Amino acid sequence: MDSIFIFSGTTEGRELTTQLAERGYDCTVSVATEYGCEVMGMQEGVSVRTGRLNQEQMCMNFRQKNYLCVIDATHPFAGVVSAEIKRACEQEGLPYLRFCRPTEWESEEKAKGKPALSFDTAWEAATWLKEREGKILLTTGSKDLSLIAGVIADPSRLYVRVLPVVESLQACEKAGIP
C-alpha cells in the first residue's frame, strides 16, 4: 500500500485525507492540536499524530515509512510551518505538494476590484493594523496572539476567533483578551 504523509488543518486536510484513504492510500496525518485530532476522526487506513513538529521532528517522522510524498494541507496563513515542511521535504528528498484553498477575502476583494492585502508575518500585519482605527476581527488563531496584541497595544480593539481548546483560551488570557 502506498503511503502519504499529510500535514492537516481542520478542513481541507481532513477532506483530502478521507478521499485518499478511500482510494486505498495509507495516510499518516499530522495535526497541531487535539481539536485537529478530534475533527479528523477515526478512519481506516489513517493514523493521526498530534502536536506541533519542528523541522528535525518532521524529518524523523518522514523516515518511519517509505512515503510517496508529503502534502501540506495546513491553514492558508500557516506560512511558517509550510516553510518548515518544505525544508524538511528537501532535506529528506521527498516531493512536497501544497494543497491550499484561496481565502474568501482574496476571492471577494478580487471580485469587487479591490486589492487584497497580504503580509508575510504576523508582526507585519499587526504593524499595519496598529496604524488603523477601529475594531479588529482576528481569525489567525492563538499562536501569534500575544505578538499581535503587543504591537496593537490595545487588546480592547481585538475580537478574536480561536479554537475551543485550553491552549487557545490561555493564549487569549495571556494577551489580555477576555
N, C-alpha and C. Protein backbone atom coordinates (compact mmCIF):
# COMPACT_ATOMS: atom_id res chain seq x y z
N MET A 1 0.85 -1.18 0.00
CA MET A 1 0.00 0.00 0.00
C MET A 1 0.90 1.24 0.00
N ASP A 2 0.59 2.20 -0.86
CA ASP A 2 1.35 3.45 -0.93
C ASP A 2 1.00 4.34 0.25
N SER A 3 2.04 4.99 0.81
CA SER A 3 1.85 5.84 1.98
C SER A 3 2.10 7.30 1.65
N ILE A 4 1.28 8.16 2.25
CA ILE A 4 1.39 9.60 2.07
C ILE A 4 1.36 10.25 3.45
N PHE A 5 2.24 11.22 3.66
CA PHE A 5 2.28 11.98 4.91
C PHE A 5 1.56 13.31 4.66
N ILE A 6 0.59 13.63 5.51
CA ILE A 6 -0.22 14.83 5.32
C ILE A 6 -0.16 15.71 6.56
N PHE A 7 0.17 16.97 6.37
CA PHE A 7 0.05 17.96 7.43
C PHE A 7 -1.30 18.61 7.22
N SER A 8 -2.15 18.53 8.24
CA SER A 8 -3.54 18.93 8.05
C SER A 8 -3.97 20.03 8.99
N GLY A 9 -4.79 20.93 8.45
CA GLY A 9 -5.54 21.86 9.27
C GLY A 9 -6.83 21.15 9.65
N THR A 10 -7.91 21.89 9.79
CA THR A 10 -9.16 21.27 10.23
C THR A 10 -10.19 21.08 9.12
N THR A 11 -9.92 21.56 7.93
CA THR A 11 -10.94 21.44 6.87
C THR A 11 -10.41 20.68 5.66
N GLU A 12 -9.66 21.36 4.80
CA GLU A 12 -9.22 20.72 3.55
C GLU A 12 -8.38 19.47 3.79
N GLY A 13 -7.51 19.51 4.77
CA GLY A 13 -6.67 18.35 5.05
C GLY A 13 -7.50 17.13 5.44
N ARG A 14 -8.54 17.37 6.22
CA ARG A 14 -9.43 16.28 6.63
C ARG A 14 -10.15 15.71 5.42
N GLU A 15 -10.68 16.58 4.58
CA GLU A 15 -11.40 16.12 3.39
C GLU A 15 -10.47 15.38 2.42
N LEU A 16 -9.27 15.91 2.24
CA LEU A 16 -8.29 15.28 1.36
C LEU A 16 -7.89 13.90 1.89
N THR A 17 -7.66 13.82 3.20
CA THR A 17 -7.28 12.55 3.82
C THR A 17 -8.36 11.50 3.58
N THR A 18 -9.61 11.87 3.78
CA THR A 18 -10.72 10.94 3.56
C THR A 18 -10.72 10.42 2.13
N GLN A 19 -10.55 11.32 1.17
CA GLN A 19 -10.55 10.91 -0.23
C GLN A 19 -9.38 9.99 -0.56
N LEU A 20 -8.21 10.29 -0.02
CA LEU A 20 -7.04 9.44 -0.29
C LEU A 20 -7.19 8.07 0.36
N ALA A 21 -7.69 8.04 1.60
CA ALA A 21 -7.89 6.76 2.29
C ALA A 21 -8.92 5.90 1.56
N GLU A 22 -9.98 6.53 1.06
CA GLU A 22 -11.00 5.79 0.30
C GLU A 22 -10.44 5.20 -0.99
N ARG A 23 -9.37 5.79 -1.49
CA ARG A 23 -8.74 5.29 -2.72
C ARG A 23 -7.60 4.32 -2.42
N GLY A 24 -7.47 3.94 -1.14
CA GLY A 24 -6.52 2.90 -0.78
C GLY A 24 -5.14 3.36 -0.34
N TYR A 25 -4.94 4.65 -0.16
CA TYR A 25 -3.65 5.13 0.32
C TYR A 25 -3.59 5.02 1.84
N ASP A 26 -2.41 4.69 2.33
CA ASP A 26 -2.14 4.67 3.76
C ASP A 26 -1.71 6.09 4.13
N CYS A 27 -2.48 6.75 4.97
CA CYS A 27 -2.22 8.16 5.29
C CYS A 27 -1.75 8.33 6.73
N THR A 28 -0.64 9.00 6.88
CA THR A 28 -0.19 9.45 8.19
C THR A 28 -0.48 10.93 8.22
N VAL A 29 -1.29 11.35 9.19
CA VAL A 29 -1.72 12.74 9.26
C VAL A 29 -1.16 13.38 10.52
N SER A 30 -0.56 14.54 10.35
CA SER A 30 -0.04 15.31 11.47
C SER A 30 -0.91 16.54 11.66
N VAL A 31 -1.47 16.67 12.86
CA VAL A 31 -2.28 17.84 13.22
C VAL A 31 -1.62 18.53 14.41
N ALA A 32 -1.79 19.83 14.51
CA ALA A 32 -1.12 20.59 15.56
C ALA A 32 -1.79 20.47 16.92
N THR A 33 -3.11 20.30 16.94
CA THR A 33 -3.85 20.37 18.20
C THR A 33 -4.76 19.16 18.42
N GLU A 34 -5.19 19.00 19.66
CA GLU A 34 -6.16 17.95 19.99
C GLU A 34 -7.46 18.16 19.23
N TYR A 35 -7.84 19.43 19.06
CA TYR A 35 -9.05 19.73 18.29
C TYR A 35 -8.91 19.21 16.86
N GLY A 36 -7.74 19.41 16.27
CA GLY A 36 -7.49 18.88 14.92
C GLY A 36 -7.63 17.38 14.88
N CYS A 37 -7.18 16.71 15.93
CA CYS A 37 -7.30 15.25 16.03
C CYS A 37 -8.77 14.85 16.13
N GLU A 38 -9.54 15.59 16.93
CA GLU A 38 -10.96 15.29 17.09
C GLU A 38 -11.71 15.40 15.77
N VAL A 39 -11.48 16.48 15.03
CA VAL A 39 -12.22 16.65 13.78
C VAL A 39 -11.75 15.68 12.70
N MET A 40 -10.52 15.18 12.81
CA MET A 40 -10.03 14.20 11.84
C MET A 40 -10.80 12.89 12.00
N GLY A 41 -11.11 12.53 13.24
CA GLY A 41 -11.87 11.31 13.48
C GLY A 41 -11.07 10.05 13.18
N MET A 42 -11.72 8.92 13.34
CA MET A 42 -11.10 7.62 13.09
C MET A 42 -11.49 7.16 11.69
N GLN A 43 -10.49 6.76 10.91
CA GLN A 43 -10.75 6.26 9.57
C GLN A 43 -9.81 5.10 9.30
N GLU A 44 -10.29 4.13 8.57
CA GLU A 44 -9.44 3.01 8.18
C GLU A 44 -8.35 3.52 7.24
N GLY A 45 -7.12 3.09 7.49
CA GLY A 45 -6.01 3.48 6.64
C GLY A 45 -5.42 4.84 7.00
N VAL A 46 -5.86 5.40 8.14
CA VAL A 46 -5.38 6.72 8.55
C VAL A 46 -4.86 6.65 9.98
N SER A 47 -3.62 7.08 10.18
CA SER A 47 -3.11 7.23 11.54
C SER A 47 -2.83 8.71 11.76
N VAL A 48 -3.22 9.19 12.93
CA VAL A 48 -3.11 10.61 13.24
C VAL A 48 -2.13 10.81 14.38
N ARG A 49 -1.24 11.78 14.21
CA ARG A 49 -0.33 12.17 15.28
C ARG A 49 -0.62 13.62 15.61
N THR A 50 -0.60 13.92 16.90
CA THR A 50 -0.98 15.25 17.38
C THR A 50 0.20 15.97 17.99
N GLY A 51 0.32 17.25 17.69
CA GLY A 51 1.37 18.09 18.27
C GLY A 51 2.20 18.77 17.19
N ARG A 52 2.63 19.97 17.50
CA ARG A 52 3.46 20.71 16.55
C ARG A 52 4.83 20.05 16.41
N LEU A 53 5.37 20.08 15.19
CA LEU A 53 6.67 19.49 14.91
C LEU A 53 7.62 20.56 14.40
N ASN A 54 8.89 20.45 14.82
CA ASN A 54 9.90 21.30 14.19
C ASN A 54 10.48 20.54 13.00
N GLN A 55 11.38 21.15 12.27
CA GLN A 55 11.90 20.54 11.06
C GLN A 55 12.59 19.20 11.34
N GLU A 56 13.36 19.13 12.40
CA GLU A 56 14.05 17.88 12.74
C GLU A 56 13.05 16.76 13.05
N GLN A 57 12.00 17.08 13.79
CA GLN A 57 10.97 16.09 14.10
C GLN A 57 10.22 15.65 12.85
N MET A 58 10.00 16.59 11.94
CA MET A 58 9.36 16.23 10.67
C MET A 58 10.21 15.21 9.93
N CYS A 59 11.50 15.48 9.83
CA CYS A 59 12.40 14.56 9.13
C CYS A 59 12.38 13.18 9.77
N MET A 60 12.38 13.14 11.10
CA MET A 60 12.33 11.85 11.80
C MET A 60 11.05 11.10 11.46
N ASN A 61 9.94 11.80 11.41
CA ASN A 61 8.66 11.17 11.05
C ASN A 61 8.67 10.68 9.61
N PHE A 62 9.27 11.43 8.71
CA PHE A 62 9.33 11.04 7.30
C PHE A 62 10.11 9.74 7.11
N ARG A 63 11.04 9.45 8.01
CA ARG A 63 11.88 8.25 7.89
C ARG A 63 11.18 6.99 8.39
N GLN A 64 10.00 7.13 8.98
CA GLN A 64 9.29 5.98 9.55
C GLN A 64 8.74 5.04 8.50
N LYS A 65 8.42 5.57 7.32
CA LYS A 65 7.86 4.77 6.23
C LYS A 65 8.46 5.27 4.92
N ASN A 66 8.21 4.52 3.87
CA ASN A 66 8.63 4.93 2.54
C ASN A 66 7.49 5.74 1.91
N TYR A 67 7.41 7.03 2.24
CA TYR A 67 6.31 7.87 1.77
C TYR A 67 6.51 8.26 0.30
N LEU A 68 5.40 8.25 -0.44
CA LEU A 68 5.42 8.71 -1.84
C LEU A 68 5.67 10.22 -1.90
N CYS A 69 5.04 10.94 -0.98
CA CYS A 69 5.14 12.40 -0.97
C CYS A 69 4.64 12.93 0.37
N VAL A 70 4.80 14.23 0.54
CA VAL A 70 4.27 14.93 1.70
C VAL A 70 3.32 16.00 1.17
N ILE A 71 2.12 16.04 1.74
CA ILE A 71 1.14 17.05 1.35
C ILE A 71 0.96 18.04 2.50
N ASP A 72 1.14 19.30 2.18
CA ASP A 72 0.94 20.37 3.15
C ASP A 72 -0.47 20.93 2.93
N ALA A 73 -1.39 20.52 3.79
CA ALA A 73 -2.78 20.99 3.71
C ALA A 73 -3.11 21.80 4.97
N THR A 74 -2.11 22.54 5.45
CA THR A 74 -2.32 23.37 6.63
C THR A 74 -3.10 24.62 6.24
N HIS A 75 -3.43 25.40 7.24
CA HIS A 75 -4.20 26.63 7.04
C HIS A 75 -3.50 27.53 6.02
N PRO A 76 -4.26 28.24 5.18
CA PRO A 76 -3.64 29.10 4.17
C PRO A 76 -2.67 30.14 4.73
N PHE A 77 -2.84 30.54 5.98
CA PHE A 77 -1.96 31.54 6.57
C PHE A 77 -0.86 30.94 7.43
N ALA A 78 -0.69 29.64 7.40
CA ALA A 78 0.33 28.98 8.22
C ALA A 78 1.68 28.98 7.49
N GLY A 79 2.16 30.17 7.17
CA GLY A 79 3.38 30.31 6.37
C GLY A 79 4.63 29.75 7.01
N VAL A 80 4.78 29.91 8.31
CA VAL A 80 6.00 29.44 8.98
C VAL A 80 6.08 27.93 8.93
N VAL A 81 5.00 27.25 9.28
CA VAL A 81 5.04 25.79 9.27
C VAL A 81 5.17 25.26 7.84
N SER A 82 4.55 25.91 6.88
CA SER A 82 4.68 25.48 5.48
C SER A 82 6.13 25.56 5.02
N ALA A 83 6.83 26.61 5.41
CA ALA A 83 8.24 26.75 5.05
C ALA A 83 9.07 25.64 5.69
N GLU A 84 8.77 25.29 6.95
CA GLU A 84 9.50 24.21 7.62
C GLU A 84 9.22 22.86 6.97
N ILE A 85 7.97 22.62 6.59
CA ILE A 85 7.62 21.37 5.92
C ILE A 85 8.39 21.26 4.61
N LYS A 86 8.42 22.34 3.87
CA LYS A 86 9.12 22.35 2.58
C LYS A 86 10.61 22.06 2.76
N ARG A 87 11.24 22.69 3.76
CA ARG A 87 12.67 22.45 4.02
C ARG A 87 12.91 21.00 4.44
N ALA A 88 12.03 20.46 5.27
CA ALA A 88 12.18 19.06 5.70
C ALA A 88 12.06 18.12 4.51
N CYS A 89 11.14 18.40 3.61
CA CYS A 89 10.98 17.57 2.41
C CYS A 89 12.23 17.64 1.54
N GLU A 90 12.78 18.83 1.37
CA GLU A 90 14.01 18.98 0.59
C GLU A 90 15.14 18.19 1.23
N GLN A 91 15.24 18.28 2.55
CA GLN A 91 16.30 17.57 3.28
C GLN A 91 16.18 16.06 3.11
N GLU A 92 14.95 15.55 3.10
CA GLU A 92 14.73 14.11 3.01
C GLU A 92 14.50 13.62 1.58
N GLY A 93 14.50 14.53 0.62
CA GLY A 93 14.31 14.14 -0.78
C GLY A 93 12.90 13.67 -1.11
N LEU A 94 11.92 14.22 -0.41
CA LEU A 94 10.52 13.84 -0.66
C LEU A 94 9.80 14.93 -1.45
N PRO A 95 8.93 14.53 -2.38
CA PRO A 95 8.14 15.53 -3.09
C PRO A 95 7.22 16.28 -2.13
N TYR A 96 7.18 17.60 -2.27
CA TYR A 96 6.35 18.47 -1.44
C TYR A 96 5.20 18.98 -2.30
N LEU A 97 3.98 18.78 -1.83
CA LEU A 97 2.79 19.27 -2.53
C LEU A 97 2.03 20.19 -1.58
N ARG A 98 1.65 21.37 -2.05
CA ARG A 98 0.88 22.31 -1.24
C ARG A 98 -0.56 22.29 -1.71
N PHE A 99 -1.46 21.97 -0.79
CA PHE A 99 -2.89 21.93 -1.08
C PHE A 99 -3.50 23.11 -0.32
N CYS A 100 -3.90 24.14 -1.04
CA CYS A 100 -4.33 25.37 -0.37
C CYS A 100 -5.52 25.99 -1.07
N ARG A 101 -6.55 26.26 -0.32
CA ARG A 101 -7.73 26.92 -0.87
C ARG A 101 -7.45 28.42 -1.00
N PRO A 102 -8.07 29.08 -1.96
CA PRO A 102 -7.98 30.54 -1.95
C PRO A 102 -8.80 31.05 -0.77
N THR A 103 -8.30 32.04 -0.11
CA THR A 103 -9.05 32.56 1.03
C THR A 103 -10.26 33.34 0.53
N GLU A 104 -11.30 33.37 1.34
CA GLU A 104 -12.53 34.05 0.95
C GLU A 104 -12.30 35.53 0.66
N TRP A 105 -11.51 36.17 1.52
CA TRP A 105 -11.31 37.61 1.32
C TRP A 105 -10.55 37.87 0.03
N GLU A 106 -9.65 36.99 -0.37
CA GLU A 106 -8.95 37.18 -1.64
C GLU A 106 -9.95 37.13 -2.79
N SER A 107 -10.82 36.13 -2.76
CA SER A 107 -11.81 35.97 -3.82
C SER A 107 -12.80 37.13 -3.84
N GLU A 108 -13.31 37.51 -2.67
CA GLU A 108 -14.30 38.59 -2.59
C GLU A 108 -13.71 39.93 -3.00
N GLU A 109 -12.53 40.24 -2.49
CA GLU A 109 -11.91 41.52 -2.81
C GLU A 109 -11.54 41.60 -4.28
N LYS A 110 -11.07 40.49 -4.82
CA LYS A 110 -10.73 40.46 -6.25
C LYS A 110 -11.98 40.69 -7.09
N ALA A 111 -13.08 40.06 -6.70
CA ALA A 111 -14.34 40.21 -7.44
C ALA A 111 -14.85 41.65 -7.38
N LYS A 112 -14.58 42.33 -6.27
CA LYS A 112 -15.00 43.72 -6.12
C LYS A 112 -14.03 44.70 -6.79
N GLY A 113 -12.92 44.18 -7.29
CA GLY A 113 -11.92 45.04 -7.90
C GLY A 113 -11.05 45.76 -6.89
N LYS A 114 -11.08 45.31 -5.65
CA LYS A 114 -10.27 45.93 -4.60
C LYS A 114 -9.01 45.10 -4.39
N PRO A 115 -7.91 45.76 -4.09
CA PRO A 115 -6.69 44.99 -3.83
C PRO A 115 -6.79 44.29 -2.47
N ALA A 116 -6.34 43.08 -2.41
CA ALA A 116 -6.29 42.34 -1.14
C ALA A 116 -4.89 42.52 -0.56
N LEU A 117 -4.82 42.72 0.73
CA LEU A 117 -3.53 42.87 1.38
C LEU A 117 -3.06 41.52 1.89
N SER A 118 -1.78 41.29 1.77
CA SER A 118 -1.19 40.05 2.26
C SER A 118 0.11 40.40 2.96
N PHE A 119 0.36 39.76 4.09
CA PHE A 119 1.57 40.01 4.87
C PHE A 119 2.30 38.71 5.08
N ASP A 120 3.62 38.77 5.08
CA ASP A 120 4.43 37.57 5.26
C ASP A 120 4.50 37.12 6.72
N THR A 121 4.36 38.06 7.64
CA THR A 121 4.46 37.71 9.06
C THR A 121 3.33 38.36 9.85
N ALA A 122 3.07 37.80 11.01
CA ALA A 122 2.06 38.37 11.91
C ALA A 122 2.49 39.76 12.36
N TRP A 123 3.78 39.95 12.57
CA TRP A 123 4.29 41.25 13.00
C TRP A 123 4.00 42.32 11.96
N GLU A 124 4.22 42.00 10.68
CA GLU A 124 3.94 42.96 9.61
C GLU A 124 2.45 43.34 9.59
N ALA A 125 1.59 42.35 9.72
CA ALA A 125 0.15 42.61 9.73
C ALA A 125 -0.24 43.46 10.93
N ALA A 126 0.30 43.12 12.10
CA ALA A 126 -0.03 43.87 13.31
C ALA A 126 0.45 45.32 13.21
N THR A 127 1.62 45.51 12.64
CA THR A 127 2.16 46.87 12.47
C THR A 127 1.25 47.69 11.56
N TRP A 128 0.78 47.09 10.50
CA TRP A 128 -0.14 47.78 9.59
C TRP A 128 -1.45 48.10 10.31
N LEU A 129 -1.99 47.12 11.05
CA LEU A 129 -3.25 47.31 11.76
C LEU A 129 -3.15 48.38 12.85
N LYS A 130 -2.00 48.47 13.48
CA LYS A 130 -1.80 49.45 14.56
C LYS A 130 -2.05 50.87 14.07
N GLU A 131 -1.72 51.12 12.82
CA GLU A 131 -1.87 52.46 12.25
C GLU A 131 -3.30 52.76 11.80
N ARG A 132 -4.20 51.80 11.91
CA ARG A 132 -5.59 51.97 11.51
C ARG A 132 -6.47 52.13 12.75
N GLU A 133 -7.61 52.74 12.57
CA GLU A 133 -8.55 52.91 13.68
C GLU A 133 -9.60 51.81 13.66
N GLY A 134 -10.25 51.62 14.80
CA GLY A 134 -11.39 50.71 14.86
C GLY A 134 -11.07 49.34 15.42
N LYS A 135 -12.12 48.55 15.47
CA LYS A 135 -12.03 47.18 15.99
C LYS A 135 -11.42 46.26 14.94
N ILE A 136 -10.82 45.17 15.42
CA ILE A 136 -10.14 44.22 14.54
C ILE A 136 -10.68 42.83 14.83
N LEU A 137 -11.21 42.17 13.80
CA LEU A 137 -11.60 40.77 13.92
C LEU A 137 -10.38 39.95 13.53
N LEU A 138 -9.86 39.20 14.47
CA LEU A 138 -8.63 38.45 14.26
C LEU A 138 -8.97 36.96 14.19
N THR A 139 -8.75 36.35 13.05
CA THR A 139 -9.08 34.93 12.86
C THR A 139 -7.83 34.12 12.54
N THR A 140 -6.69 34.59 12.99
CA THR A 140 -5.42 33.92 12.67
C THR A 140 -5.07 32.82 13.65
N GLY A 141 -5.87 32.63 14.69
CA GLY A 141 -5.57 31.61 15.68
C GLY A 141 -4.81 32.19 16.86
N SER A 142 -4.37 31.33 17.75
CA SER A 142 -3.78 31.78 19.01
C SER A 142 -2.26 31.88 19.00
N LYS A 143 -1.62 31.28 18.01
CA LYS A 143 -0.16 31.18 18.02
C LYS A 143 0.53 32.54 18.12
N ASP A 144 0.10 33.51 17.35
CA ASP A 144 0.74 34.83 17.34
C ASP A 144 -0.07 35.89 18.08
N LEU A 145 -1.01 35.45 18.87
CA LEU A 145 -1.92 36.38 19.54
C LEU A 145 -1.19 37.36 20.46
N SER A 146 -0.26 36.89 21.27
CA SER A 146 0.47 37.78 22.18
C SER A 146 1.28 38.81 21.40
N LEU A 147 1.90 38.38 20.32
CA LEU A 147 2.69 39.30 19.49
C LEU A 147 1.79 40.39 18.92
N ILE A 148 0.67 39.99 18.34
CA ILE A 148 -0.25 40.94 17.71
C ILE A 148 -0.82 41.90 18.75
N ALA A 149 -1.28 41.36 19.88
CA ALA A 149 -1.84 42.21 20.94
C ALA A 149 -0.79 43.18 21.46
N GLY A 150 0.46 42.72 21.54
CA GLY A 150 1.54 43.59 22.00
C GLY A 150 1.81 44.74 21.04
N VAL A 151 1.81 44.47 19.76
CA VAL A 151 2.06 45.51 18.76
C VAL A 151 0.88 46.48 18.72
N ILE A 152 -0.33 45.97 18.73
CA ILE A 152 -1.53 46.82 18.68
C ILE A 152 -1.61 47.68 19.95
N ALA A 153 -1.19 47.10 21.07
CA ALA A 153 -1.10 47.79 22.37
C ALA A 153 -2.45 48.17 22.97
N ASP A 154 -3.53 47.71 22.41
CA ASP A 154 -4.86 47.96 22.96
C ASP A 154 -5.73 46.73 22.71
N PRO A 155 -5.63 45.72 23.60
CA PRO A 155 -6.37 44.47 23.38
C PRO A 155 -7.89 44.66 23.26
N SER A 156 -8.41 45.79 23.75
CA SER A 156 -9.86 46.01 23.64
C SER A 156 -10.30 46.19 22.18
N ARG A 157 -9.37 46.46 21.28
CA ARG A 157 -9.69 46.59 19.85
C ARG A 157 -9.87 45.23 19.19
N LEU A 158 -9.38 44.18 19.85
CA LEU A 158 -9.34 42.86 19.23
C LEU A 158 -10.55 42.00 19.58
N TYR A 159 -11.15 41.45 18.55
CA TYR A 159 -12.15 40.39 18.68
C TYR A 159 -11.50 39.18 18.04
N VAL A 160 -11.26 38.14 18.82
CA VAL A 160 -10.50 37.01 18.29
C VAL A 160 -11.37 35.77 18.13
N ARG A 161 -11.03 35.00 17.11
CA ARG A 161 -11.66 33.70 16.88
C ARG A 161 -10.55 32.68 17.01
N VAL A 162 -10.69 31.80 17.99
CA VAL A 162 -9.68 30.76 18.23
C VAL A 162 -10.38 29.41 18.38
N LEU A 163 -9.60 28.35 18.30
CA LEU A 163 -10.15 27.02 18.52
C LEU A 163 -10.63 26.90 19.97
N PRO A 164 -11.68 26.13 20.22
CA PRO A 164 -12.21 25.99 21.57
C PRO A 164 -11.41 24.97 22.40
N VAL A 165 -10.13 25.28 22.61
CA VAL A 165 -9.27 24.40 23.40
C VAL A 165 -8.56 25.22 24.46
N VAL A 166 -8.13 24.55 25.53
CA VAL A 166 -7.50 25.23 26.67
C VAL A 166 -6.30 26.07 26.23
N GLU A 167 -5.46 25.52 25.36
CA GLU A 167 -4.26 26.23 24.90
C GLU A 167 -4.62 27.59 24.28
N SER A 168 -5.65 27.62 23.47
CA SER A 168 -6.08 28.86 22.82
C SER A 168 -6.64 29.86 23.83
N LEU A 169 -7.44 29.37 24.76
CA LEU A 169 -8.02 30.26 25.77
C LEU A 169 -6.95 30.83 26.68
N GLN A 170 -5.93 30.03 26.99
CA GLN A 170 -4.81 30.53 27.79
C GLN A 170 -4.04 31.61 27.04
N ALA A 171 -3.89 31.44 25.73
CA ALA A 171 -3.20 32.44 24.91
C ALA A 171 -3.98 33.76 24.93
N CYS A 172 -5.31 33.67 24.89
CA CYS A 172 -6.14 34.88 24.96
C CYS A 172 -5.94 35.58 26.30
N GLU A 173 -5.96 34.80 27.36
CA GLU A 173 -5.78 35.37 28.69
C GLU A 173 -4.42 36.03 28.82
N LYS A 174 -3.39 35.36 28.34
CA LYS A 174 -2.02 35.89 28.40
C LYS A 174 -1.91 37.20 27.62
N ALA A 175 -2.65 37.32 26.52
CA ALA A 175 -2.60 38.53 25.69
C ALA A 175 -3.52 39.63 26.21
N GLY A 176 -4.25 39.36 27.29
CA GLY A 176 -5.13 40.37 27.86
C GLY A 176 -6.47 40.49 27.16
N ILE A 177 -6.86 39.42 26.48
CA ILE A 177 -8.13 39.43 25.74
C ILE A 177 -9.14 38.59 26.51
N PRO A 178 -10.26 39.20 26.91
CA PRO A 178 -11.25 38.45 27.71
C PRO A 178 -11.96 37.37 26.92
